[in-house]
N, C-alpha and C. Protein backbone atom coordinates (compact mmCIF):
# COMPACT_ATOMS: atom_id res chain seq x y z
N MET A 1 -0.16 44.63 12.64
CA MET A 1 -0.12 43.17 12.86
C MET A 1 1.26 42.63 12.49
N ASP A 2 1.80 41.82 13.40
CA ASP A 2 3.13 41.26 13.15
C ASP A 2 3.09 40.28 11.97
N SER A 3 4.24 40.16 11.29
CA SER A 3 4.35 39.21 10.20
C SER A 3 4.42 37.79 10.76
N PRO A 4 4.12 36.77 9.95
CA PRO A 4 4.24 35.39 10.43
C PRO A 4 5.64 35.06 10.93
N GLU A 5 6.67 35.61 10.25
CA GLU A 5 8.05 35.37 10.69
C GLU A 5 8.29 35.92 12.09
N THR A 6 7.80 37.16 12.33
CA THR A 6 7.99 37.78 13.64
C THR A 6 7.23 37.01 14.72
N THR A 7 6.01 36.58 14.39
CA THR A 7 5.20 35.83 15.35
C THR A 7 5.88 34.51 15.72
N LEU A 8 6.46 33.82 14.72
CA LEU A 8 7.15 32.56 14.99
C LEU A 8 8.37 32.80 15.88
N VAL A 9 9.13 33.83 15.59
CA VAL A 9 10.31 34.14 16.41
C VAL A 9 9.90 34.39 17.85
N GLN A 10 8.80 35.11 18.05
CA GLN A 10 8.33 35.39 19.41
C GLN A 10 7.93 34.11 20.13
N LEU A 11 7.25 33.21 19.41
CA LEU A 11 6.87 31.93 20.03
C LEU A 11 8.10 31.12 20.41
N GLN A 12 9.07 31.08 19.52
CA GLN A 12 10.29 30.32 19.79
C GLN A 12 11.05 30.90 20.97
N GLU A 13 11.06 32.22 21.08
CA GLU A 13 11.74 32.85 22.22
C GLU A 13 11.02 32.54 23.52
N GLN A 14 9.68 32.51 23.48
CA GLN A 14 8.91 32.20 24.70
C GLN A 14 9.19 30.78 25.18
N GLN A 15 9.37 29.86 24.23
CA GLN A 15 9.55 28.45 24.58
C GLN A 15 10.99 27.98 24.45
N ALA A 16 11.93 28.92 24.40
CA ALA A 16 13.34 28.55 24.18
C ALA A 16 13.85 27.60 25.26
N SER A 17 13.52 27.89 26.51
CA SER A 17 13.99 27.05 27.61
C SER A 17 13.42 25.64 27.50
N LEU A 18 12.13 25.55 27.18
CA LEU A 18 11.49 24.24 27.04
C LEU A 18 12.15 23.46 25.91
N VAL A 19 12.35 24.08 24.76
CA VAL A 19 12.91 23.39 23.60
C VAL A 19 14.30 22.85 23.90
N ARG A 20 15.07 23.62 24.64
CA ARG A 20 16.42 23.15 25.00
C ARG A 20 16.36 21.88 25.83
N HIS A 21 15.38 21.78 26.71
CA HIS A 21 15.27 20.61 27.58
C HIS A 21 14.69 19.38 26.88
N LEU A 22 14.14 19.56 25.68
CA LEU A 22 13.51 18.44 24.99
C LEU A 22 14.51 17.51 24.32
N GLU A 23 15.74 17.96 24.16
CA GLU A 23 16.74 17.16 23.46
C GLU A 23 17.35 16.11 24.40
N GLY A 24 17.46 14.88 23.91
CA GLY A 24 18.17 13.84 24.65
C GLY A 24 17.53 13.44 25.96
N VAL A 25 16.22 13.41 26.02
CA VAL A 25 15.53 13.03 27.26
C VAL A 25 15.66 11.52 27.47
N ALA A 26 16.00 11.12 28.67
CA ALA A 26 16.07 9.70 29.03
C ALA A 26 15.26 9.50 30.30
N VAL A 27 14.62 8.35 30.41
CA VAL A 27 13.82 8.03 31.59
C VAL A 27 14.33 6.72 32.17
N THR A 28 15.00 6.83 33.32
CA THR A 28 15.56 5.63 33.95
C THR A 28 15.13 5.45 35.40
N ASP A 29 14.46 6.47 35.97
CA ASP A 29 13.98 6.32 37.36
C ASP A 29 12.71 7.15 37.52
N ASP A 30 12.11 7.08 38.70
CA ASP A 30 10.83 7.76 38.95
C ASP A 30 10.94 9.27 38.81
N ARG A 31 12.06 9.85 39.26
CA ARG A 31 12.21 11.31 39.17
C ARG A 31 12.27 11.74 37.72
N GLU A 32 13.05 11.00 36.92
CA GLU A 32 13.14 11.34 35.49
C GLU A 32 11.80 11.10 34.78
N GLU A 33 11.03 10.12 35.27
CA GLU A 33 9.71 9.90 34.71
C GLU A 33 8.82 11.11 34.93
N LYS A 34 8.88 11.68 36.15
CA LYS A 34 8.07 12.87 36.44
C LYS A 34 8.54 14.06 35.62
N ASP A 35 9.87 14.22 35.53
CA ASP A 35 10.41 15.33 34.73
C ASP A 35 10.00 15.20 33.27
N ALA A 36 10.10 13.96 32.75
CA ALA A 36 9.73 13.74 31.35
C ALA A 36 8.24 13.96 31.15
N GLY A 37 7.44 13.58 32.13
CA GLY A 37 5.99 13.83 32.05
C GLY A 37 5.70 15.31 32.01
N ASP A 38 6.41 16.09 32.84
CA ASP A 38 6.23 17.55 32.83
C ASP A 38 6.62 18.13 31.47
N LEU A 39 7.75 17.63 30.92
CA LEU A 39 8.18 18.11 29.61
C LEU A 39 7.16 17.77 28.53
N LEU A 40 6.59 16.57 28.61
CA LEU A 40 5.59 16.15 27.63
C LEU A 40 4.37 17.06 27.68
N ILE A 41 3.90 17.34 28.89
CA ILE A 41 2.74 18.23 29.05
C ILE A 41 3.06 19.62 28.52
N ALA A 42 4.25 20.13 28.86
CA ALA A 42 4.63 21.46 28.40
C ALA A 42 4.81 21.50 26.88
N ALA A 43 5.41 20.46 26.33
CA ALA A 43 5.64 20.42 24.89
C ALA A 43 4.32 20.36 24.13
N ARG A 44 3.37 19.57 24.63
CA ARG A 44 2.07 19.51 23.96
C ARG A 44 1.33 20.83 24.09
N GLY A 45 1.49 21.50 25.22
CA GLY A 45 0.89 22.82 25.37
C GLY A 45 1.50 23.82 24.40
N ALA A 46 2.83 23.75 24.24
CA ALA A 46 3.51 24.64 23.30
C ALA A 46 3.08 24.35 21.87
N LEU A 47 2.92 23.07 21.56
CA LEU A 47 2.48 22.70 20.22
C LEU A 47 1.06 23.21 19.96
N ALA A 48 0.17 23.06 20.95
CA ALA A 48 -1.20 23.55 20.79
C ALA A 48 -1.22 25.06 20.58
N GLN A 49 -0.36 25.77 21.32
CA GLN A 49 -0.28 27.22 21.17
C GLN A 49 0.23 27.59 19.77
N ALA A 50 1.25 26.87 19.31
CA ALA A 50 1.81 27.15 17.98
C ALA A 50 0.78 26.87 16.89
N GLU A 51 0.05 25.75 17.03
CA GLU A 51 -0.97 25.41 16.02
C GLU A 51 -2.10 26.43 16.00
N GLU A 52 -2.52 26.89 17.18
CA GLU A 52 -3.59 27.88 17.23
C GLU A 52 -3.13 29.20 16.62
N THR A 53 -1.88 29.56 16.89
CA THR A 53 -1.35 30.80 16.30
C THR A 53 -1.26 30.67 14.78
N ARG A 54 -0.77 29.50 14.31
CA ARG A 54 -0.67 29.28 12.87
C ARG A 54 -2.04 29.35 12.21
N LYS A 55 -3.03 28.71 12.82
CA LYS A 55 -4.37 28.73 12.25
C LYS A 55 -4.94 30.15 12.23
N GLY A 56 -4.61 30.92 13.27
CA GLY A 56 -5.08 32.31 13.31
C GLY A 56 -4.49 33.13 12.19
N LEU A 57 -3.24 32.83 11.83
CA LEU A 57 -2.59 33.58 10.75
C LEU A 57 -3.17 33.21 9.38
N ILE A 58 -3.52 31.93 9.19
CA ILE A 58 -4.00 31.52 7.87
C ILE A 58 -5.52 31.64 7.74
N ARG A 59 -6.23 31.89 8.87
CA ARG A 59 -7.69 31.98 8.80
C ARG A 59 -8.17 33.04 7.80
N PRO A 60 -7.59 34.26 7.82
CA PRO A 60 -8.03 35.25 6.82
C PRO A 60 -7.76 34.80 5.39
N ILE A 61 -6.64 34.06 5.19
CA ILE A 61 -6.33 33.56 3.85
C ILE A 61 -7.37 32.52 3.43
N ASP A 62 -7.74 31.62 4.35
CA ASP A 62 -8.76 30.62 4.05
C ASP A 62 -10.10 31.26 3.73
N GLU A 63 -10.45 32.30 4.51
CA GLU A 63 -11.72 32.98 4.27
C GLU A 63 -11.74 33.66 2.91
N ALA A 64 -10.61 34.29 2.56
CA ALA A 64 -10.52 34.93 1.24
C ALA A 64 -10.61 33.89 0.13
N ARG A 65 -9.94 32.74 0.32
CA ARG A 65 -9.99 31.67 -0.67
C ARG A 65 -11.41 31.16 -0.84
N ASP A 66 -12.13 30.98 0.31
CA ASP A 66 -13.50 30.48 0.24
C ASP A 66 -14.41 31.46 -0.48
N ARG A 67 -14.21 32.76 -0.25
CA ARG A 67 -15.03 33.77 -0.93
C ARG A 67 -14.79 33.74 -2.44
N ILE A 68 -13.51 33.63 -2.82
CA ILE A 68 -13.17 33.59 -4.25
C ILE A 68 -13.73 32.33 -4.90
N ASN A 69 -13.60 31.18 -4.21
CA ASN A 69 -14.14 29.93 -4.75
C ASN A 69 -15.65 30.02 -4.94
N ALA A 70 -16.35 30.59 -3.93
CA ALA A 70 -17.80 30.73 -4.03
C ALA A 70 -18.19 31.68 -5.16
N LEU A 71 -17.38 32.71 -5.38
CA LEU A 71 -17.66 33.67 -6.45
C LEU A 71 -17.56 33.00 -7.83
N PHE A 72 -16.54 32.17 -8.00
CA PHE A 72 -16.30 31.55 -9.31
C PHE A 72 -17.14 30.30 -9.54
N LYS A 73 -17.63 29.67 -8.46
CA LYS A 73 -18.24 28.34 -8.57
C LYS A 73 -19.40 28.28 -9.57
N PRO A 74 -20.38 29.19 -9.55
CA PRO A 74 -21.48 29.07 -10.52
C PRO A 74 -20.99 29.07 -11.97
N TYR A 75 -20.02 29.92 -12.26
CA TYR A 75 -19.51 30.01 -13.63
C TYR A 75 -18.74 28.75 -14.02
N THR A 76 -17.83 28.28 -13.12
CA THR A 76 -17.05 27.09 -13.45
C THR A 76 -17.92 25.84 -13.48
N ASP A 77 -18.96 25.77 -12.61
CA ASP A 77 -19.87 24.63 -12.65
C ASP A 77 -20.61 24.58 -13.99
N ARG A 78 -21.03 25.76 -14.47
CA ARG A 78 -21.73 25.80 -15.76
C ARG A 78 -20.81 25.32 -16.89
N LEU A 79 -19.54 25.76 -16.84
CA LEU A 79 -18.58 25.32 -17.86
C LEU A 79 -18.36 23.82 -17.78
N ARG A 80 -18.20 23.30 -16.58
CA ARG A 80 -17.97 21.86 -16.43
C ARG A 80 -19.16 21.05 -16.95
N THR A 81 -20.38 21.52 -16.65
CA THR A 81 -21.57 20.83 -17.13
C THR A 81 -21.62 20.84 -18.65
N SER A 82 -21.28 21.98 -19.24
CA SER A 82 -21.28 22.09 -20.70
C SER A 82 -20.21 21.19 -21.32
N ILE A 83 -19.05 21.14 -20.68
CA ILE A 83 -17.97 20.28 -21.18
C ILE A 83 -18.40 18.82 -21.16
N THR A 84 -19.07 18.41 -20.08
CA THR A 84 -19.55 17.03 -19.98
C THR A 84 -20.56 16.73 -21.09
N SER A 85 -21.49 17.67 -21.33
CA SER A 85 -22.49 17.47 -22.36
C SER A 85 -21.85 17.40 -23.75
N LEU A 86 -20.91 18.30 -24.02
CA LEU A 86 -20.22 18.30 -25.31
C LEU A 86 -19.44 17.01 -25.50
N ASN A 87 -18.75 16.58 -24.45
CA ASN A 87 -17.98 15.34 -24.54
C ASN A 87 -18.89 14.16 -24.83
N ASP A 88 -20.04 14.10 -24.14
CA ASP A 88 -20.98 13.01 -24.38
C ASP A 88 -21.49 13.01 -25.81
N ALA A 89 -21.84 14.21 -26.31
CA ALA A 89 -22.36 14.31 -27.68
C ALA A 89 -21.31 13.89 -28.70
N LEU A 90 -20.08 14.34 -28.52
CA LEU A 90 -19.01 14.01 -29.45
C LEU A 90 -18.68 12.52 -29.44
N THR A 91 -18.58 11.94 -28.25
CA THR A 91 -18.22 10.52 -28.17
C THR A 91 -19.35 9.64 -28.70
N ARG A 92 -20.61 10.06 -28.49
CA ARG A 92 -21.73 9.29 -29.05
C ARG A 92 -21.66 9.31 -30.58
N TYR A 93 -21.40 10.50 -31.16
CA TYR A 93 -21.34 10.61 -32.61
C TYR A 93 -20.16 9.81 -33.17
N HIS A 94 -19.01 9.89 -32.47
CA HIS A 94 -17.84 9.13 -32.91
C HIS A 94 -18.13 7.62 -32.87
N ASP A 95 -18.82 7.19 -31.82
CA ASP A 95 -19.18 5.78 -31.71
C ASP A 95 -20.11 5.36 -32.83
N GLN A 96 -21.07 6.25 -33.17
CA GLN A 96 -21.98 5.95 -34.28
C GLN A 96 -21.22 5.82 -35.59
N LYS A 97 -20.24 6.69 -35.82
CA LYS A 97 -19.45 6.61 -37.05
C LYS A 97 -18.66 5.30 -37.11
N LEU A 98 -18.11 4.89 -35.98
CA LEU A 98 -17.38 3.62 -35.94
C LEU A 98 -18.31 2.45 -36.26
N LYS A 99 -19.52 2.48 -35.69
CA LYS A 99 -20.46 1.39 -35.92
C LYS A 99 -20.90 1.36 -37.38
N ARG A 100 -21.15 2.54 -37.97
CA ARG A 100 -21.54 2.58 -39.38
C ARG A 100 -20.43 2.03 -40.27
N ALA A 101 -19.19 2.43 -39.98
CA ALA A 101 -18.06 1.95 -40.78
C ALA A 101 -17.91 0.44 -40.65
N GLU A 102 -18.12 -0.09 -39.46
CA GLU A 102 -18.01 -1.54 -39.25
C GLU A 102 -19.14 -2.27 -39.98
N GLU A 103 -20.35 -1.68 -39.94
CA GLU A 103 -21.47 -2.29 -40.66
C GLU A 103 -21.20 -2.32 -42.17
N GLU A 104 -20.65 -1.22 -42.69
CA GLU A 104 -20.32 -1.16 -44.12
C GLU A 104 -19.25 -2.20 -44.48
N ARG A 105 -18.27 -2.38 -43.58
CA ARG A 105 -17.21 -3.36 -43.83
C ARG A 105 -17.79 -4.77 -43.87
N LEU A 106 -18.66 -5.08 -42.91
CA LEU A 106 -19.25 -6.42 -42.86
C LEU A 106 -20.17 -6.65 -44.05
N ALA A 107 -20.90 -5.61 -44.47
CA ALA A 107 -21.79 -5.75 -45.62
C ALA A 107 -20.98 -6.01 -46.89
N ALA A 108 -19.84 -5.31 -47.04
CA ALA A 108 -18.99 -5.52 -48.21
C ALA A 108 -18.42 -6.93 -48.22
N LEU A 109 -18.01 -7.42 -47.05
CA LEU A 109 -17.50 -8.79 -46.97
C LEU A 109 -18.58 -9.80 -47.31
N ALA A 110 -19.80 -9.56 -46.80
CA ALA A 110 -20.91 -10.48 -47.07
C ALA A 110 -21.25 -10.49 -48.56
N GLU A 111 -21.22 -9.31 -49.18
CA GLU A 111 -21.50 -9.22 -50.61
C GLU A 111 -20.46 -9.98 -51.42
N GLU A 112 -19.19 -9.84 -51.03
CA GLU A 112 -18.12 -10.55 -51.74
C GLU A 112 -18.23 -12.06 -51.53
N ALA A 113 -18.58 -12.46 -50.29
CA ALA A 113 -18.74 -13.90 -50.01
C ALA A 113 -19.88 -14.47 -50.85
N ALA A 114 -20.97 -13.71 -50.99
CA ALA A 114 -22.10 -14.18 -51.81
C ALA A 114 -21.70 -14.29 -53.27
N ARG A 115 -20.92 -13.35 -53.77
CA ARG A 115 -20.46 -13.37 -55.16
C ARG A 115 -19.60 -14.61 -55.42
N ILE A 116 -18.71 -14.92 -54.44
CA ILE A 116 -17.83 -16.09 -54.58
C ILE A 116 -18.66 -17.38 -54.55
N ALA A 117 -19.64 -17.43 -53.64
CA ALA A 117 -20.48 -18.63 -53.53
C ALA A 117 -21.26 -18.85 -54.82
N GLU A 118 -21.79 -17.78 -55.38
CA GLU A 118 -22.55 -17.89 -56.64
C GLU A 118 -21.65 -18.36 -57.78
N ALA A 119 -20.42 -17.85 -57.83
CA ALA A 119 -19.49 -18.25 -58.89
C ALA A 119 -19.14 -19.72 -58.78
N ARG A 120 -19.04 -20.22 -57.57
CA ARG A 120 -18.74 -21.65 -57.39
C ARG A 120 -19.87 -22.51 -57.93
N GLU A 121 -21.08 -22.05 -57.72
CA GLU A 121 -22.22 -22.83 -58.20
C GLU A 121 -22.32 -22.81 -59.72
N THR A 122 -22.02 -21.68 -60.30
CA THR A 122 -22.16 -21.55 -61.76
C THR A 122 -20.88 -21.91 -62.50
N GLY A 123 -19.77 -22.04 -61.78
CA GLY A 123 -18.50 -22.34 -62.41
C GLY A 123 -17.88 -21.14 -63.08
N GLU A 124 -18.45 -19.98 -62.83
CA GLU A 124 -17.92 -18.75 -63.43
C GLU A 124 -16.57 -18.40 -62.84
N LEU A 125 -15.66 -17.98 -63.70
CA LEU A 125 -14.37 -17.51 -63.21
C LEU A 125 -14.50 -16.05 -62.81
N LEU A 126 -14.12 -15.81 -61.58
CA LEU A 126 -14.26 -14.44 -61.07
C LEU A 126 -13.00 -13.65 -61.30
N GLU A 127 -13.20 -12.44 -61.69
CA GLU A 127 -12.07 -11.52 -61.81
C GLU A 127 -11.77 -10.99 -60.40
N PHE A 128 -10.50 -10.98 -60.07
CA PHE A 128 -10.13 -10.50 -58.73
C PHE A 128 -10.58 -9.06 -58.57
N ARG A 129 -11.30 -8.83 -57.52
CA ARG A 129 -11.79 -7.49 -57.26
C ARG A 129 -11.61 -7.22 -55.77
N PRO A 130 -10.63 -6.44 -55.40
CA PRO A 130 -10.42 -6.20 -53.97
C PRO A 130 -11.63 -5.54 -53.34
N THR A 131 -11.98 -6.04 -52.17
CA THR A 131 -13.14 -5.48 -51.47
C THR A 131 -12.78 -4.10 -50.94
N PRO A 132 -13.51 -3.08 -51.37
CA PRO A 132 -13.18 -1.74 -50.88
C PRO A 132 -13.43 -1.64 -49.37
N ALA A 133 -12.43 -1.20 -48.67
CA ALA A 133 -12.57 -1.08 -47.22
C ALA A 133 -13.13 0.31 -46.90
N PRO A 134 -14.18 0.35 -46.09
CA PRO A 134 -14.73 1.66 -45.73
C PRO A 134 -13.71 2.45 -44.91
N GLU A 135 -13.78 3.72 -45.05
CA GLU A 135 -12.86 4.58 -44.31
C GLU A 135 -13.29 4.64 -42.85
N MET A 136 -12.39 4.19 -41.98
CA MET A 136 -12.70 4.19 -40.55
C MET A 136 -12.43 5.59 -39.98
N PRO A 137 -13.27 6.04 -39.07
CA PRO A 137 -13.03 7.34 -38.46
C PRO A 137 -11.69 7.34 -37.73
N GLY A 138 -10.94 8.41 -37.88
CA GLY A 138 -9.65 8.50 -37.20
C GLY A 138 -9.82 8.77 -35.72
N LYS A 139 -8.76 8.54 -34.97
CA LYS A 139 -8.81 8.80 -33.53
C LYS A 139 -8.80 10.30 -33.23
N THR A 140 -8.36 11.08 -34.19
CA THR A 140 -8.29 12.52 -33.99
C THR A 140 -9.12 13.22 -35.06
N ALA A 141 -10.01 14.11 -34.62
CA ALA A 141 -10.84 14.88 -35.54
C ALA A 141 -10.42 16.35 -35.44
N ARG A 142 -10.36 16.99 -36.58
CA ARG A 142 -9.93 18.39 -36.61
C ARG A 142 -11.14 19.30 -36.46
N ALA A 143 -11.01 20.27 -35.58
CA ALA A 143 -12.02 21.31 -35.42
C ALA A 143 -11.42 22.62 -35.93
N HIS A 144 -12.21 23.71 -35.87
CA HIS A 144 -11.68 24.99 -36.34
C HIS A 144 -10.58 25.52 -35.43
N LEU A 145 -10.70 25.23 -34.15
CA LEU A 145 -9.73 25.78 -33.19
C LEU A 145 -8.63 24.81 -32.82
N GLY A 146 -8.67 23.61 -33.36
CA GLY A 146 -7.65 22.62 -33.00
C GLY A 146 -8.14 21.23 -33.34
N THR A 147 -7.84 20.28 -32.49
CA THR A 147 -8.22 18.90 -32.74
C THR A 147 -8.85 18.27 -31.49
N VAL A 148 -9.66 17.25 -31.73
CA VAL A 148 -10.26 16.47 -30.65
C VAL A 148 -9.84 15.02 -30.87
N THR A 149 -9.20 14.45 -29.87
CA THR A 149 -8.74 13.06 -29.96
C THR A 149 -9.65 12.16 -29.13
N TYR A 150 -10.04 11.04 -29.72
CA TYR A 150 -10.90 10.08 -29.01
C TYR A 150 -10.03 8.93 -28.52
N ARG A 151 -9.95 8.80 -27.22
CA ARG A 151 -9.13 7.75 -26.62
C ARG A 151 -10.03 6.63 -26.12
N GLU A 152 -9.66 5.40 -26.44
CA GLU A 152 -10.44 4.25 -26.01
C GLU A 152 -10.36 4.09 -24.49
N ASP A 153 -11.49 3.88 -23.88
CA ASP A 153 -11.53 3.72 -22.42
C ASP A 153 -12.57 2.66 -22.09
N TYR A 154 -12.77 2.38 -20.81
CA TYR A 154 -13.71 1.35 -20.40
C TYR A 154 -14.57 1.86 -19.25
N ASP A 155 -15.83 1.49 -19.24
CA ASP A 155 -16.72 1.76 -18.12
C ASP A 155 -16.74 0.51 -17.26
N ILE A 156 -16.30 0.63 -16.04
CA ILE A 156 -16.14 -0.55 -15.18
C ILE A 156 -17.06 -0.41 -13.97
N GLN A 157 -17.84 -1.46 -13.70
CA GLN A 157 -18.72 -1.49 -12.53
C GLN A 157 -18.56 -2.83 -11.83
N ILE A 158 -18.51 -2.80 -10.55
CA ILE A 158 -18.42 -4.04 -9.76
C ILE A 158 -19.84 -4.51 -9.48
N VAL A 159 -20.19 -5.68 -9.99
CA VAL A 159 -21.54 -6.21 -9.79
C VAL A 159 -21.58 -7.32 -8.75
N ASP A 160 -20.45 -7.95 -8.49
CA ASP A 160 -20.40 -9.01 -7.47
C ASP A 160 -19.03 -8.94 -6.79
N PRO A 161 -18.89 -8.14 -5.73
CA PRO A 161 -17.60 -7.96 -5.08
C PRO A 161 -16.97 -9.26 -4.60
N ARG A 162 -17.80 -10.27 -4.29
CA ARG A 162 -17.27 -11.55 -3.77
C ARG A 162 -16.44 -12.28 -4.80
N ARG A 163 -16.67 -12.00 -6.07
CA ARG A 163 -15.95 -12.70 -7.12
C ARG A 163 -14.71 -11.96 -7.59
N VAL A 164 -14.47 -10.77 -7.05
CA VAL A 164 -13.28 -10.01 -7.43
C VAL A 164 -12.06 -10.69 -6.83
N PRO A 165 -11.02 -10.97 -7.60
CA PRO A 165 -9.82 -11.62 -7.05
C PRO A 165 -9.26 -10.87 -5.86
N ARG A 166 -8.78 -11.63 -4.90
CA ARG A 166 -8.30 -11.03 -3.64
C ARG A 166 -7.16 -10.06 -3.87
N ASP A 167 -6.30 -10.30 -4.88
CA ASP A 167 -5.17 -9.42 -5.08
C ASP A 167 -5.59 -8.05 -5.61
N LEU A 168 -6.88 -7.91 -5.99
CA LEU A 168 -7.37 -6.60 -6.42
C LEU A 168 -8.06 -5.85 -5.28
N CYS A 169 -8.09 -6.46 -4.12
CA CYS A 169 -8.74 -5.82 -2.97
C CYS A 169 -7.69 -5.09 -2.13
N GLU A 170 -8.08 -3.95 -1.59
CA GLU A 170 -7.16 -3.17 -0.75
C GLU A 170 -7.46 -3.43 0.72
N PRO A 171 -6.50 -3.92 1.51
CA PRO A 171 -6.76 -4.10 2.94
C PRO A 171 -7.12 -2.76 3.58
N SER A 172 -8.17 -2.78 4.40
CA SER A 172 -8.62 -1.55 5.06
C SER A 172 -8.02 -1.47 6.45
N MET A 173 -7.10 -0.50 6.66
CA MET A 173 -6.47 -0.33 7.97
C MET A 173 -7.52 0.03 9.02
N GLN A 174 -8.54 0.77 8.62
CA GLN A 174 -9.57 1.17 9.57
C GLN A 174 -10.32 -0.06 10.09
N ARG A 175 -10.64 -1.00 9.20
CA ARG A 175 -11.34 -2.21 9.64
C ARG A 175 -10.44 -3.12 10.46
N ILE A 176 -9.17 -3.20 10.07
CA ILE A 176 -8.22 -4.02 10.84
C ILE A 176 -8.08 -3.47 12.25
N ARG A 177 -7.93 -2.14 12.36
CA ARG A 177 -7.77 -1.52 13.69
C ARG A 177 -9.01 -1.75 14.55
N ALA A 178 -10.19 -1.66 13.95
CA ALA A 178 -11.42 -1.89 14.71
C ALA A 178 -11.49 -3.32 15.21
N ARG A 179 -11.03 -4.26 14.38
CA ARG A 179 -11.07 -5.66 14.80
C ARG A 179 -10.08 -5.92 15.94
N VAL A 180 -8.89 -5.32 15.85
CA VAL A 180 -7.91 -5.48 16.92
C VAL A 180 -8.44 -4.90 18.22
N LYS A 181 -9.09 -3.73 18.13
CA LYS A 181 -9.64 -3.10 19.34
C LYS A 181 -10.76 -3.93 19.93
N SER A 182 -11.40 -4.77 19.12
CA SER A 182 -12.47 -5.61 19.63
C SER A 182 -11.92 -6.81 20.40
N GLY A 183 -10.58 -6.99 20.33
CA GLY A 183 -9.95 -8.08 21.08
C GLY A 183 -9.28 -9.13 20.22
N VAL A 184 -9.44 -9.04 18.90
CA VAL A 184 -8.80 -10.01 18.00
C VAL A 184 -7.38 -9.53 17.74
N THR A 185 -6.40 -10.29 18.22
CA THR A 185 -5.00 -9.87 18.08
C THR A 185 -4.21 -10.75 17.12
N GLU A 186 -4.88 -11.68 16.45
CA GLU A 186 -4.23 -12.51 15.44
C GLU A 186 -5.08 -12.48 14.17
N ILE A 187 -4.53 -11.87 13.13
CA ILE A 187 -5.21 -11.76 11.84
C ILE A 187 -4.24 -12.23 10.77
N PRO A 188 -4.62 -13.19 9.94
CA PRO A 188 -3.71 -13.67 8.89
C PRO A 188 -3.21 -12.51 8.02
N GLY A 189 -1.91 -12.50 7.81
CA GLY A 189 -1.33 -11.47 6.96
C GLY A 189 -1.10 -10.15 7.63
N VAL A 190 -1.35 -10.08 8.93
CA VAL A 190 -1.19 -8.81 9.65
C VAL A 190 -0.30 -9.03 10.85
N LEU A 191 0.72 -8.19 10.99
CA LEU A 191 1.60 -8.24 12.16
C LEU A 191 1.07 -7.26 13.19
N ILE A 192 0.73 -7.76 14.37
CA ILE A 192 0.14 -6.92 15.42
C ILE A 192 1.08 -6.92 16.61
N SER A 193 1.54 -5.75 17.00
CA SER A 193 2.43 -5.61 18.15
C SER A 193 1.82 -4.61 19.13
N LYS A 194 1.82 -4.97 20.40
CA LYS A 194 1.27 -4.06 21.40
C LYS A 194 2.24 -2.90 21.63
N ARG A 195 1.71 -1.72 21.78
CA ARG A 195 2.52 -0.55 22.10
C ARG A 195 1.68 0.37 22.99
N TYR A 196 2.34 1.36 23.54
CA TYR A 196 1.65 2.30 24.40
C TYR A 196 1.72 3.71 23.80
N ILE A 197 0.64 4.45 23.98
CA ILE A 197 0.65 5.85 23.58
C ILE A 197 0.41 6.68 24.82
N THR A 198 0.80 7.94 24.76
CA THR A 198 0.67 8.79 25.93
C THR A 198 -0.54 9.70 25.80
N VAL A 199 -1.22 9.92 26.89
CA VAL A 199 -2.30 10.88 26.96
C VAL A 199 -1.94 11.84 28.07
N ALA A 200 -1.51 13.03 27.72
CA ALA A 200 -1.01 13.98 28.73
C ALA A 200 -1.96 15.16 28.84
N ARG A 201 -2.30 15.52 30.07
CA ARG A 201 -3.17 16.67 30.30
C ARG A 201 -2.55 17.56 31.38
N GLY A 202 -2.60 18.82 31.14
CA GLY A 202 -2.09 19.74 32.15
C GLY A 202 -3.07 19.92 33.29
N GLY A 203 -2.56 20.36 34.43
CA GLY A 203 -3.42 20.58 35.60
C GLY A 203 -4.30 21.81 35.38
N SER A 204 -5.39 21.85 36.17
CA SER A 204 -6.33 22.97 36.04
C SER A 204 -5.77 24.21 36.72
């Protein structure tokens, strides 16, 4: 079997005459229009041949890749599922620790506020006693094999798309194109210019 380099050289040699004629094409009269049409048909045929040859060369590579991916998939899926479960368990526990620390902080503040209020009523002079701050869980926890860092993130869900500010919306080219094809040629914020595309088919 020839190498991809050899196959490409052979294709280029077969189409050398065509490629030479593709440079600097101008269409100014009916004869040149026919010649350019012939070149377009031939060039598209050459491109189709080149693409089919390229796909034929990479097909065995794609098949081998698909086999390897299928072989590894059950194992990697199991690992990914386990990683998700571990991450959920760790973040839930970290969140619980944060909540407990916050509850302890608020309880200490409430206790101190009650002590101050009672002293005001009795006229007792209070000795300054700094409120002990509970130890907040760090963003990074050490494990035996390394560390796990907890990064603050947000869960975001769109519940009413109509209320989302317009500058956060992405214009859909697919929807715009469909509207133009339906006959609407004036859309605010969109520049629409008519153009022509070619559809070339070789003879039977």
